[in-house]
Amino acid sequence: MNRLVKQISSVIVGKEPQIQLAVTCLLAGGHLLIEDVPGVGKTTLAHALAKSLGLSFNRVQFTADLMPSDLTGVSIYDRAREEWIYHAGPLFTQVLLADEINRASPKTQSALLEAMEEKQVTAEGQTRALPAPFFVLATQNPRAGFGITAGTNALPESQLDRFLMRLSLGYPDAASERQLLAGLDSRKLIEAMPSVMSALQLAEAQQAAMRVHASDALLDYVQRVTAATRAKQWFSQGISPRAAISLLRAAKAFAHLAGRDFVSPDDVKAVAESVMAHRLADLPNATRSTQQQLAAMLASIPL
């Protein structure tokens, strides 16, 4: 798994912490939402993950006229065989890049819900299983600034909750941007990438991550964090029990990636923002960002 992080970091330079969290999300068996401005490497990250793991990869550009059947597939009548033949849509892959997901209509966005939660698709009255592993990496334009939000539809809370983590890659630092300007060709680097591990090895790593030990004291800490989000002191709406389970799963995966067989409070803190920030609702009179409020809340909870 660490070779995987290192290999992807050779293409998306200067973003190892974010790549580590993206791999943590994959290891925890969750889906990832990246919210950022165009051109910072969101698509490159998805390509590099799929190539490094030797997994099948599809990209769907979400637009206002995209229909649910464009994702799930359709049946077309075959005159020669005199029968309807089902043609699977791009959802039938192992890594799906849902590019600019908030540009699609709510109806099309909801078509992803069953696939993300149940790992299956129901189309034309028949349920079909998706390949394993099934990992959705969705990108979303920022909700404010530079007019980028024109023509976008905010993801409903129910769908946001399906994403284990939300990340932002951000602009590169000066040294990393210099490498890009000097001619670092990410496409050629990705094409030359060897597979670091197989789908079977990834499944074994995911199972091993969930076996990482969480002590009773650690579970007490997670419960205190969860209760603090619901106390109306920091946020108007706290996280759900499902989100609390997601927080623990992500912390286990982060600890496993670091080579430990137990979870510490530091692991919980390391993944807290990416797991919880998109699930929290700010207070009406909040003067700080969700991330700042979350950091202050975590600092106030005794270990």
C-alpha atoms as a PDB file:
ATOM      1  CA  MET A   1       0.000   0.000   0.000  1.00  0.00           C
ATOM      2  CA  ASN A   2       2.877   2.375   0.715  1.00  0.00           C
ATOM      3  CA  ARG A   3       4.375   1.577  -2.705  1.00  0.00           C
ATOM      4  CA  LEU A   4       0.992   2.576  -4.122  1.00  0.00           C
ATOM      5  CA  VAL A   5       1.142   5.949  -2.342  1.00  0.00           C
ATOM      6  CA  LYS A   6       4.725   6.518  -3.499  1.00  0.00           C
ATOM      7  CA  GLN A   7       3.945   5.633  -7.123  1.00  0.00           C
ATOM      8  CA  ILE A   8       0.946   7.978  -7.325  1.00  0.00           C
ATOM      9  CA  SER A   9       2.985  10.720  -5.614  1.00  0.00           C
ATOM     10  CA  SER A  10       5.476  10.546  -8.489  1.00  0.00           C
ATOM     11  CA  VAL A  11       2.718  11.763 -10.823  1.00  0.00           C
ATOM     12  CA  ILE A  12       0.759  14.119  -8.557  1.00  0.00           C
ATOM     13  CA  VAL A  13       3.719  15.858  -6.983  1.00  0.00           C
ATOM     14  CA  GLY A  14       3.601  17.642  -3.648  1.00  0.00           C
ATOM     15  CA  LYS A  15       0.292  16.085  -2.553  1.00  0.00           C
ATOM     16  CA  GLU A  16       1.346  13.013  -0.545  1.00  0.00           C
ATOM     17  CA  PRO A  17      -0.939  13.726   2.482  1.00  0.00           C
ATOM     18  CA  GLN A  18      -4.005  13.944   0.205  1.00  0.00           C
ATOM     19  CA  ILE A  19      -2.931  10.832  -1.731  1.00  0.00           C
ATOM     20  CA  GLN A  20      -2.490   8.993   1.568  1.00  0.00           C
ATOM     21  CA  LEU A  21      -6.061   9.893   2.523  1.00  0.00           C
ATOM     22  CA  ALA A  22      -7.352   8.830  -0.909  1.00  0.00           C
ATOM     23  CA  VAL A  23      -5.675   5.428  -0.520  1.00  0.00           C
ATOM     24  CA  THR A  24      -7.054   5.252   3.039  1.00  0.00           C
ATOM     25  CA  CYS A  25     -10.551   5.748   1.613  1.00  0.00           C
ATOM     26  CA  LEU A  26      -9.987   2.933  -0.899  1.00  0.00           C
ATOM     27  CA  LEU A  27      -8.586   0.697   1.847  1.00  0.00           C
ATOM     28  CA  ALA A  28     -11.656   1.361   4.011  1.00  0.00           C
ATOM     29  CA  GLY A  29     -13.916   0.282   1.136  1.00  0.00           C
ATOM     30  CA  GLY A  30     -15.504   3.735   0.760  1.00  0.00           C
ATOM     31  CA  HIS A  31     -16.078   6.247  -2.025  1.00  0.00           C
ATOM     32  CA  LEU A  32     -14.224   9.537  -2.446  1.00  0.00           C
ATOM     33  CA  LEU A  33     -15.463  13.026  -3.343  1.00  0.00           C
ATOM     34  CA  ILE A  34     -12.869  15.598  -4.411  1.00  0.00           C
ATOM     35  CA  GLU A  35     -14.084  19.197  -4.342  1.00  0.00           C
ATOM     36  CA  ASP A  36     -11.717  21.575  -6.064  1.00  0.00           C
ATOM     37  CA  VAL A  37     -11.224  23.951  -8.971  1.00  0.00           C
ATOM     38  CA  PRO A  38     -10.504  22.474 -12.427  1.00  0.00           C
ATOM     39  CA  GLY A  39      -6.936  21.567 -13.349  1.00  0.00           C
ATOM     40  CA  VAL A  40      -5.395  20.558 -10.013  1.00  0.00           C
ATOM     41  CA  GLY A  41      -5.087  16.808 -10.728  1.00  0.00           C
ATOM     42  CA  LYS A  42      -8.429  15.232  -9.761  1.00  0.00           C
ATOM     43  CA  THR A  43      -8.741  13.184 -12.961  1.00  0.00           C
ATOM     44  CA  THR A  44      -5.048  12.278 -12.888  1.00  0.00           C
ATOM     45  CA  LEU A  45      -5.466  10.874  -9.368  1.00  0.00           C
ATOM     46  CA  ALA A  46      -8.301   8.575 -10.493  1.00  0.00           C
ATOM     47  CA  HIS A  47      -6.321   7.368 -13.536  1.00  0.00           C
ATOM     48  CA  ALA A  48      -3.201   6.729 -11.426  1.00  0.00           C
ATOM     49  CA  LEU A  49      -5.152   4.754  -8.793  1.00  0.00           C
ATOM     50  CA  ALA A  50      -6.820   2.524 -11.377  1.00  0.00           C
ATOM     51  CA  LYS A  51      -3.582   1.928 -13.311  1.00  0.00           C
ATOM     52  CA  SER A  52      -1.521   1.206 -10.170  1.00  0.00           C
ATOM     53  CA  LEU A  53      -4.065  -1.391  -9.027  1.00  0.00           C
ATOM     54  CA  GLY A  54      -4.624  -2.954 -12.437  1.00  0.00           C
ATOM     55  CA  LEU A  55      -8.356  -2.264 -12.184  1.00  0.00           C
ATOM     56  CA  SER A  56     -10.854  -1.498 -14.940  1.00  0.00           C
ATOM     57  CA  PHE A  57     -11.576   2.224 -15.244  1.00  0.00           C
ATOM     58  CA  ASN A  58     -14.394   4.313 -16.718  1.00  0.00           C
ATOM     59  CA  ARG A  59     -14.851   8.051 -16.774  1.00  0.00           C
ATOM     60  CA  VAL A  60     -18.232   9.753 -17.068  1.00  0.00           C
ATOM     61  CA  GLN A  61     -18.461  13.479 -17.686  1.00  0.00           C
ATOM     62  CA  PHE A  62     -21.597  14.582 -15.844  1.00  0.00           C
ATOM     63  CA  THR A  63     -23.643  17.163 -17.759  1.00  0.00           C
ATOM     64  CA  ALA A  64     -27.124  18.643 -17.440  1.00  0.00           C
ATOM     65  CA  ASP A  65     -28.517  16.332 -20.146  1.00  0.00           C
ATOM     66  CA  LEU A  66     -27.011  13.092 -18.774  1.00  0.00           C
ATOM     67  CA  MET A  67     -29.762  10.520 -18.150  1.00  0.00           C
ATOM     68  CA  PRO A  68     -29.778   7.715 -15.509  1.00  0.00           C
ATOM     69  CA  SER A  69     -29.772   5.110 -18.300  1.00  0.00           C
ATOM     70  CA  ASP A  70     -26.519   6.652 -19.580  1.00  0.00           C
ATOM     71  CA  LEU A  71     -24.981   5.296 -16.368  1.00  0.00           C
ATOM     72  CA  THR A  72     -26.812   2.019 -15.813  1.00  0.00           C
ATOM     73  CA  GLY A  73     -27.183   0.847 -19.423  1.00  0.00           C
ATOM     74  CA  VAL A  74     -30.062   0.058 -21.765  1.00  0.00           C
ATOM     75  CA  SER A  75     -31.595  -2.892 -23.631  1.00  0.00           C
ATOM     76  CA  ILE A  76     -31.518  -2.708 -27.424  1.00  0.00           C
ATOM     77  CA  TYR A  77     -33.553  -4.978 -29.682  1.00  0.00           C
ATOM     78  CA  ASP A  78     -31.417  -7.295 -31.822  1.00  0.00           C
ATOM     79  CA  ARG A  79     -33.327  -8.071 -35.024  1.00  0.00           C
ATOM     80  CA  ALA A  80     -31.061 -10.961 -36.003  1.00  0.00           C
ATOM     81  CA  ARG A  81     -31.505 -12.736 -32.654  1.00  0.00           C
ATOM     82  CA  GLU A  82     -35.069 -11.447 -32.172  1.00  0.00           C
ATOM     83  CA  GLU A  83     -34.463 -10.532 -28.534  1.00  0.00           C
ATOM     84  CA  TRP A  84     -33.609  -7.610 -26.318  1.00  0.00           C
ATOM     85  CA  ILE A  85     -29.887  -7.403 -25.470  1.00  0.00           C
ATOM     86  CA  TYR A  86     -28.780  -5.497 -22.378  1.00  0.00           C
ATOM     87  CA  HIS A  87     -25.811  -3.198 -22.919  1.00  0.00           C
ATOM     88  CA  ALA A  88     -24.157  -2.390 -19.599  1.00  0.00           C
ATOM     89  CA  GLY A  89     -23.414   1.256 -18.855  1.00  0.00           C
ATOM     90  CA  PRO A  90     -20.174   2.760 -17.538  1.00  0.00           C
ATOM     91  CA  LEU A  91     -21.164   1.946 -13.926  1.00  0.00           C
ATOM     92  CA  PHE A  92     -20.006  -1.610 -14.593  1.00  0.00           C
ATOM     93  CA  THR A  93     -16.369  -1.018 -13.795  1.00  0.00           C
ATOM     94  CA  GLN A  94     -14.069  -1.221 -10.786  1.00  0.00           C
ATOM     95  CA  VAL A  95     -13.003   2.440 -10.646  1.00  0.00           C
ATOM     96  CA  LEU A  96     -15.550   5.012 -11.801  1.00  0.00           C
ATOM     97  CA  LEU A  97     -14.577   8.655 -12.203  1.00  0.00           C
ATOM     98  CA  ALA A  98     -17.768  10.721 -11.944  1.00  0.00           C
ATOM     99  CA  ASP A  99     -16.392  14.004 -13.252  1.00  0.00           C
ATOM    100  CA  GLU A 100     -18.176  17.217 -12.189  1.00  0.00           C
ATOM    101  CA  ILE A 101     -20.968  15.251 -10.526  1.00  0.00           C
ATOM    102  CA  ASN A 102     -22.775  18.404  -9.452  1.00  0.00           C
ATOM    103  CA  ARG A 103     -23.421  19.433 -13.075  1.00  0.00           C
ATOM    104  CA  ALA A 104     -25.919  16.575 -13.551  1.00  0.00           C
ATOM    105  CA  SER A 105     -29.606  16.704 -12.641  1.00  0.00           C
ATOM    106  CA  PRO A 106     -30.689  15.386  -9.212  1.00  0.00           C
ATOM    107  CA  LYS A 107     -32.405  12.449 -10.982  1.00  0.00           C
ATOM    108  CA  THR A 108     -29.131  11.353 -12.567  1.00  0.00           C
ATOM    109  CA  GLN A 109     -27.172  11.958  -9.366  1.00  0.00           C
ATOM    110  CA  SER A 110     -29.576   9.657  -7.516  1.00  0.00           C
ATOM    111  CA  ALA A 111     -28.888   6.872 -10.028  1.00  0.00           C
ATOM    112  CA  LEU A 112     -25.509   6.497  -8.317  1.00  0.00           C
ATOM    113  CA  LEU A 113     -27.049   5.938  -4.853  1.00  0.00           C
ATOM    114  CA  GLU A 114     -27.901   2.255  -5.200  1.00  0.00           C
ATOM    115  CA  ALA A 115     -24.606   1.511  -6.955  1.00  0.00           C
ATOM    116  CA  MET A 116     -22.558   3.210  -4.234  1.00  0.00           C
ATOM    117  CA  GLU A 117     -24.421   1.719  -1.288  1.00  0.00           C
ATOM    118  CA  GLU A 118     -25.499  -1.725  -2.498  1.00  0.00           C
ATOM    119  CA  LYS A 119     -22.789  -2.374  -5.147  1.00  0.00           C
ATOM    120  CA  GLN A 120     -25.530  -3.316  -7.592  1.00  0.00           C
ATOM    121  CA  VAL A 121     -27.683  -1.743 -10.305  1.00  0.00           C
ATOM    122  CA  THR A 122     -31.406  -2.281 -10.901  1.00  0.00           C
ATOM    123  CA  ALA A 123     -32.292  -1.566 -14.516  1.00  0.00           C
ATOM    124  CA  GLU A 124     -35.429  -2.591 -16.386  1.00  0.00           C
ATOM    125  CA  GLY A 125     -36.662  -4.672 -13.492  1.00  0.00           C
ATOM    126  CA  GLN A 126     -33.492  -6.730 -13.104  1.00  0.00           C
ATOM    127  CA  THR A 127     -30.785  -6.387 -10.468  1.00  0.00           C
ATOM    128  CA  ARG A 128     -27.203  -6.819 -11.636  1.00  0.00           C
ATOM    129  CA  ALA A 129     -24.131  -6.977  -9.392  1.00  0.00           C
ATOM    130  CA  LEU A 130     -21.261  -4.576 -10.022  1.00  0.00           C
ATOM    131  CA  PRO A 131     -17.632  -5.753 -10.297  1.00  0.00           C
ATOM    132  CA  ALA A 132     -15.600  -5.998  -7.092  1.00  0.00           C
ATOM    133  CA  PRO A 133     -13.982  -3.849  -5.899  1.00  0.00           C
ATOM    134  CA  PHE A 134     -16.237  -0.941  -6.885  1.00  0.00           C
ATOM    135  CA  PHE A 135     -14.773   2.484  -6.098  1.00  0.00           C
ATOM    136  CA  VAL A 136     -16.387   5.798  -7.059  1.00  0.00           C
ATOM    137  CA  LEU A 137     -14.146   8.831  -7.241  1.00  0.00           C
ATOM    138  CA  ALA A 138     -16.362  11.842  -7.904  1.00  0.00           C
ATOM    139  CA  THR A 139     -15.236  15.390  -8.530  1.00  0.00           C
ATOM    140  CA  GLN A 140     -17.238  18.483  -7.695  1.00  0.00           C
ATOM    141  CA  ASN A 141     -16.681  22.135  -8.456  1.00  0.00           C
ATOM    142  CA  PRO A 142     -16.509  24.500  -5.482  1.00  0.00           C
ATOM    143  CA  ARG A 143     -19.810  25.909  -4.300  1.00  0.00           C
ATOM    144  CA  ALA A 144     -18.527  29.472  -4.230  1.00  0.00           C
ATOM    145  CA  GLY A 145     -16.112  31.664  -6.130  1.00  0.00           C
ATOM    146  CA  PHE A 146     -15.115  32.492  -9.718  1.00  0.00           C
ATOM    147  CA  GLY A 147     -18.589  31.795 -11.112  1.00  0.00           C
ATOM    148  CA  ILE A 148     -17.775  28.080 -11.298  1.00  0.00           C
ATOM    149  CA  THR A 149     -21.074  27.153  -9.640  1.00  0.00           C
ATOM    150  CA  ALA A 150     -23.122  28.295 -12.661  1.00  0.00           C
ATOM    151  CA  GLY A 151     -25.228  25.374 -13.893  1.00  0.00           C
ATOM    152  CA  THR A 152     -24.511  23.123 -10.908  1.00  0.00           C
ATOM    153  CA  ASN A 153     -26.860  21.209  -8.610  1.00  0.00           C
ATOM    154  CA  ALA A 154     -25.807  20.710  -5.003  1.00  0.00           C
ATOM    155  CA  LEU A 155     -25.579  17.072  -3.977  1.00  0.00           C
ATOM    156  CA  PRO A 156     -28.368  16.073  -1.566  1.00  0.00           C
ATOM    157  CA  GLU A 157     -27.355  15.136   1.982  1.00  0.00           C
ATOM    158  CA  SER A 158     -28.296  11.490   1.388  1.00  0.00           C
ATOM    159  CA  GLN A 159     -25.795  11.226  -1.453  1.00  0.00           C
ATOM    160  CA  LEU A 160     -23.085  13.231   0.299  1.00  0.00           C
ATOM    161  CA  ASP A 161     -23.362  10.714   3.145  1.00  0.00           C
ATOM    162  CA  ARG A 162     -22.495   7.898   0.701  1.00  0.00           C
ATOM    163  CA  PHE A 163     -19.024   9.356   0.264  1.00  0.00           C
ATOM    164  CA  LEU A 164     -16.725   8.123   3.012  1.00  0.00           C
ATOM    165  CA  MET A 165     -14.385  11.074   2.485  1.00  0.00           C
ATOM    166  CA  ARG A 166     -14.278  14.485   0.861  1.00  0.00           C
ATOM    167  CA  LEU A 167     -10.877  15.959  -0.043  1.00  0.00           C
ATOM    168  CA  SER A 168      -9.448  19.043  -1.675  1.00  0.00           C
ATOM    169  CA  LEU A 169      -6.131  18.755  -3.526  1.00  0.00           C
ATOM    170  CA  GLY A 170      -5.452  22.503  -3.624  1.00  0.00           C
ATOM    171  CA  TYR A 171      -2.878  24.352  -5.694  1.00  0.00           C
ATOM    172  CA  PRO A 172       0.658  22.887  -5.855  1.00  0.00           C
ATOM    173  CA  ASP A 173       3.538  24.486  -3.985  1.00  0.00           C
ATOM    174  CA  ALA A 174       6.175  26.427  -5.926  1.00  0.00           C
ATOM    175  CA  ALA A 175       8.626  23.494  -6.247  1.00  0.00           C
ATOM    176  CA  SER A 176       5.925  21.080  -7.464  1.00  0.00           C
ATOM    177  CA  GLU A 177       4.520  23.587  -9.941  1.00  0.00           C
ATOM    178  CA  ARG A 178       8.030  24.154 -11.295  1.00  0.00           C
ATOM    179  CA  GLN A 179       8.249  20.422 -12.082  1.00  0.00           C
ATOM    180  CA  LEU A 180       4.989  20.683 -14.021  1.00  0.00           C
ATOM    181  CA  LEU A 181       6.210  23.737 -15.908  1.00  0.00           C
ATOM    182  CA  ALA A 182       9.503  21.975 -16.686  1.00  0.00           C
ATOM    183  CA  GLY A 183       7.582  19.335 -18.627  1.00  0.00           C
ATOM    184  CA  LEU A 184       6.401  16.622 -16.225  1.00  0.00           C
ATOM    185  CA  ASP A 185       4.035  14.622 -18.477  1.00  0.00           C
ATOM    186  CA  SER A 186       1.597  12.860 -16.155  1.00  0.00           C
ATOM    187  CA  ARG A 187      -0.140  10.955 -18.987  1.00  0.00           C
ATOM    188  CA  LYS A 188       3.062   9.249 -20.116  1.00  0.00           C
ATOM    189  CA  LEU A 189       4.009   8.468 -16.520  1.00  0.00           C
ATOM    190  CA  ILE A 190       0.616   6.850 -15.888  1.00  0.00           C
ATOM    191  CA  GLU A 191       0.839   4.789 -19.092  1.00  0.00           C
ATOM    192  CA  ALA A 192       4.216   3.429 -17.951  1.00  0.00           C
ATOM    193  CA  MET A 193       3.013   2.607 -14.427  1.00  0.00           C
ATOM    194  CA  PRO A 194       3.205  -1.047 -13.370  1.00  0.00           C
ATOM    195  CA  SER A 195       0.445  -2.603 -11.255  1.00  0.00           C
ATOM    196  CA  VAL A 196       1.534  -2.461  -7.630  1.00  0.00           C
ATOM    197  CA  MET A 197      -1.061  -4.990  -6.472  1.00  0.00           C
ATOM    198  CA  SER A 198      -3.952  -7.053  -7.838  1.00  0.00           C
ATOM    199  CA  ALA A 199      -7.674  -6.770  -7.082  1.00  0.00           C
ATOM    200  CA  LEU A 200      -7.368  -9.882  -4.900  1.00  0.00           C
ATOM    201  CA  GLN A 201      -4.485  -8.363  -2.911  1.00  0.00           C
ATOM    202  CA  LEU A 202      -6.507  -5.164  -2.483  1.00  0.00           C
ATOM    203  CA  ALA A 203      -9.453  -7.188  -1.116  1.00  0.00           C
ATOM    204  CA  GLU A 204      -7.098  -8.909   1.338  1.00  0.00           C
ATOM    205  CA  ALA A 205      -5.647  -5.542   2.399  1.00  0.00           C
ATOM    206  CA  GLN A 206      -9.165  -4.160   2.957  1.00  0.00           C
ATOM    207  CA  GLN A 207     -10.033  -7.150   5.163  1.00  0.00           C
ATOM    208  CA  ALA A 208      -6.763  -6.767   7.109  1.00  0.00           C
ATOM    209  CA  ALA A 209      -7.463  -3.065   7.672  1.00  0.00           C
ATOM    210  CA  MET A 210     -10.852  -3.817   9.228  1.00  0.00           C
ATOM    211  CA  ARG A 211      -9.177  -6.292  11.629  1.00  0.00           C
ATOM    212  CA  VAL A 212      -7.062  -3.466  13.132  1.00  0.00           C
ATOM    213  CA  HIS A 213      -7.754  -3.365  16.876  1.00  0.00           C
ATOM    214  CA  ALA A 214      -9.856  -0.565  18.378  1.00  0.00           C
ATOM    215  CA  SER A 215      -9.791  -0.620  22.187  1.00  0.00           C
ATOM    216  CA  ASP A 216     -12.754   0.240  24.400  1.00  0.00           C
ATOM    217  CA  ALA A 217     -11.000   3.493  25.343  1.00  0.00           C
ATOM    218  CA  LEU A 218     -10.687   4.388  21.646  1.00  0.00           C
ATOM    219  CA  LEU A 219     -14.375   3.630  21.062  1.00  0.00           C
ATOM    220  CA  ASP A 220     -15.181   5.889  24.028  1.00  0.00           C
ATOM    221  CA  TYR A 221     -13.189   8.664  22.334  1.00  0.00           C
ATOM    222  CA  VAL A 222     -15.056   8.180  19.022  1.00  0.00           C
ATOM    223  CA  GLN A 223     -18.351   8.380  20.927  1.00  0.00           C
ATOM    224  CA  ARG A 224     -17.254  11.623  22.630  1.00  0.00           C
ATOM    225  CA  VAL A 225     -16.366  13.099  19.232  1.00  0.00           C
ATOM    226  CA  THR A 226     -19.728  11.981  17.829  1.00  0.00           C
ATOM    227  CA  ALA A 227     -21.633  13.411  20.818  1.00  0.00           C
ATOM    228  CA  ALA A 228     -19.762  16.727  20.546  1.00  0.00           C
ATOM    229  CA  THR A 229     -20.939  17.198  16.934  1.00  0.00           C
ATOM    230  CA  ARG A 230     -24.563  16.752  18.102  1.00  0.00           C
ATOM    231  CA  ALA A 231     -24.422  19.003  21.177  1.00  0.00           C
ATOM    232  CA  LYS A 232     -25.514  22.147  19.216  1.00  0.00           C
ATOM    233  CA  GLN A 233     -22.455  23.944  20.596  1.00  0.00           C
ATOM    234  CA  TRP A 234     -20.277  23.522  17.524  1.00  0.00           C
ATOM    235  CA  PHE A 235     -22.728  22.571  14.745  1.00  0.00           C
ATOM    236  CA  SER A 236     -26.456  22.791  14.147  1.00  0.00           C
ATOM    237  CA  GLN A 237     -26.522  19.186  12.905  1.00  0.00           C
ATOM    238  CA  GLY A 238     -24.115  16.453  13.984  1.00  0.00           C
ATOM    239  CA  ILE A 239     -23.039  13.216  12.350  1.00  0.00           C
ATOM    240  CA  SER A 240     -25.203  10.101  12.103  1.00  0.00           C
ATOM    241  CA  PRO A 241     -24.399   6.639  13.517  1.00  0.00           C
ATOM    242  CA  ARG A 242     -23.425   5.583   9.978  1.00  0.00           C
ATOM    243  CA  ALA A 243     -20.962   8.478   9.830  1.00  0.00           C
ATOM    244  CA  ALA A 244     -19.498   7.447  13.215  1.00  0.00           C
ATOM    245  CA  ILE A 245     -18.924   3.937  11.821  1.00  0.00           C
ATOM    246  CA  SER A 246     -17.311   5.506   8.748  1.00  0.00           C
ATOM    247  CA  LEU A 247     -15.004   7.541  11.004  1.00  0.00           C
ATOM    248  CA  LEU A 248     -13.838   4.382  12.774  1.00  0.00           C
ATOM    249  CA  ARG A 249     -13.379   2.471   9.481  1.00  0.00           C
ATOM    250  CA  ALA A 250     -11.281   5.288   8.048  1.00  0.00           C
ATOM    251  CA  ALA A 251      -9.178   5.497  11.236  1.00  0.00           C
ATOM    252  CA  LYS A 252      -8.533   1.730  11.061  1.00  0.00           C
ATOM    253  CA  ALA A 253      -7.459   2.008   7.419  1.00  0.00           C
ATOM    254  CA  PHE A 254      -5.190   4.977   8.221  1.00  0.00           C
ATOM    255  CA  ALA A 255      -3.554   3.028  11.067  1.00  0.00           C
ATOM    256  CA  HIS A 256      -3.085  -0.016   8.816  1.00  0.00           C
ATOM    257  CA  LEU A 257      -1.468   2.142   6.137  1.00  0.00           C
ATOM    258  CA  ALA A 258       0.950   3.413   8.800  1.00  0.00           C
ATOM    259  CA  GLY A 259       1.871  -0.193   9.670  1.00  0.00           C
ATOM    260  CA  ARG A 260       0.106  -0.367  13.044  1.00  0.00           C
ATOM    261  CA  ASP A 261      -2.287  -3.065  14.262  1.00  0.00           C
ATOM    262  CA  PHE A 262      -4.220  -0.728  16.583  1.00  0.00           C
ATOM    263  CA  VAL A 263      -6.061   2.595  16.249  1.00  0.00           C
ATOM    264  CA  SER A 264      -4.959   5.665  18.224  1.00  0.00           C
ATOM    265  CA  PRO A 265      -6.806   8.984  18.751  1.00  0.00           C
ATOM    266  CA  ASP A 266      -4.281  10.556  16.368  1.00  0.00           C
ATOM    267  CA  ASP A 267      -5.580   8.286  13.591  1.00  0.00           C
ATOM    268  CA  VAL A 268      -9.120   9.485  14.296  1.00  0.00           C
ATOM    269  CA  LYS A 269      -7.952  13.110  14.193  1.00  0.00           C
ATOM    270  CA  ALA A 270      -6.038  12.525  10.943  1.00  0.00           C
ATOM    271  CA  VAL A 271      -9.174  11.432   9.071  1.00  0.00           C
ATOM    272  CA  ALA A 272     -11.770  13.484  11.004  1.00  0.00           C
ATOM    273  CA  GLU A 273     -11.993  16.473   8.657  1.00  0.00           C
ATOM    274  CA  SER A 274     -12.216  14.438   5.439  1.00  0.00           C
ATOM    275  CA  VAL A 275     -14.828  12.083   6.937  1.00  0.00           C
ATOM    276  CA  MET A 276     -16.994  14.540   8.878  1.00  0.00           C
ATOM    277  CA  ALA A 277     -16.807  18.030   7.336  1.00  0.00           C
ATOM    278  CA  HIS A 278     -19.232  17.296   4.461  1.00  0.00           C
ATOM    279  CA  ARG A 279     -21.734  15.716   6.868  1.00  0.00           C
ATOM    280  CA  LEU A 280     -21.944  18.641   9.331  1.00  0.00           C
ATOM    281  CA  ALA A 281     -24.206  21.696   9.216  1.00  0.00           C
ATOM    282  CA  ASP A 282     -22.760  24.977  10.514  1.00  0.00           C
ATOM    283  CA  LEU A 283     -24.463  27.066  13.164  1.00  0.00           C
ATOM    284  CA  PRO A 284     -26.569  29.947  11.738  1.00  0.00           C
ATOM    285  CA  ASN A 285     -24.260  32.573  13.246  1.00  0.00           C
ATOM    286  CA  ALA A 286     -20.973  30.736  12.551  1.00  0.00           C
ATOM    287  CA  THR A 287     -18.002  33.041  12.035  1.00  0.00           C
ATOM    288  CA  ARG A 288     -15.527  30.249  11.271  1.00  0.00           C
ATOM    289  CA  SER A 289     -15.402  27.671   8.488  1.00  0.00           C
ATOM    290  CA  THR A 290     -16.546  24.099   9.082  1.00  0.00           C
ATOM    291  CA  GLN A 291     -12.913  22.958   9.110  1.00  0.00           C
ATOM    292  CA  GLN A 292     -11.900  25.584  11.700  1.00  0.00           C
ATOM    293  CA  GLN A 293     -14.879  24.760  13.878  1.00  0.00           C
ATOM    294  CA  LEU A 294     -14.120  21.043  13.648  1.00  0.00           C
ATOM    295  CA  ALA A 295     -10.467  21.575  14.614  1.00  0.00           C
ATOM    296  CA  ALA A 296     -11.525  23.639  17.645  1.00  0.00           C
ATOM    297  CA  MET A 297     -14.038  20.976  18.676  1.00  0.00           C
ATOM    298  CA  LEU A 298     -11.446  18.173  18.471  1.00  0.00           C
ATOM    299  CA  ALA A 299      -8.982  20.244  20.517  1.00  0.00           C
ATOM    300  CA  SER A 300     -11.602  20.629  23.265  1.00  0.00           C
ATOM    301  CA  ILE A 301     -12.266  16.878  23.656  1.00  0.00           C
ATOM    302  CA  PRO A 302     -10.032  15.277  26.320  1.00  0.00           C
ATOM    303  CA  LEU A 303      -8.101  12.132  25.386  1.00  0.00           C
END
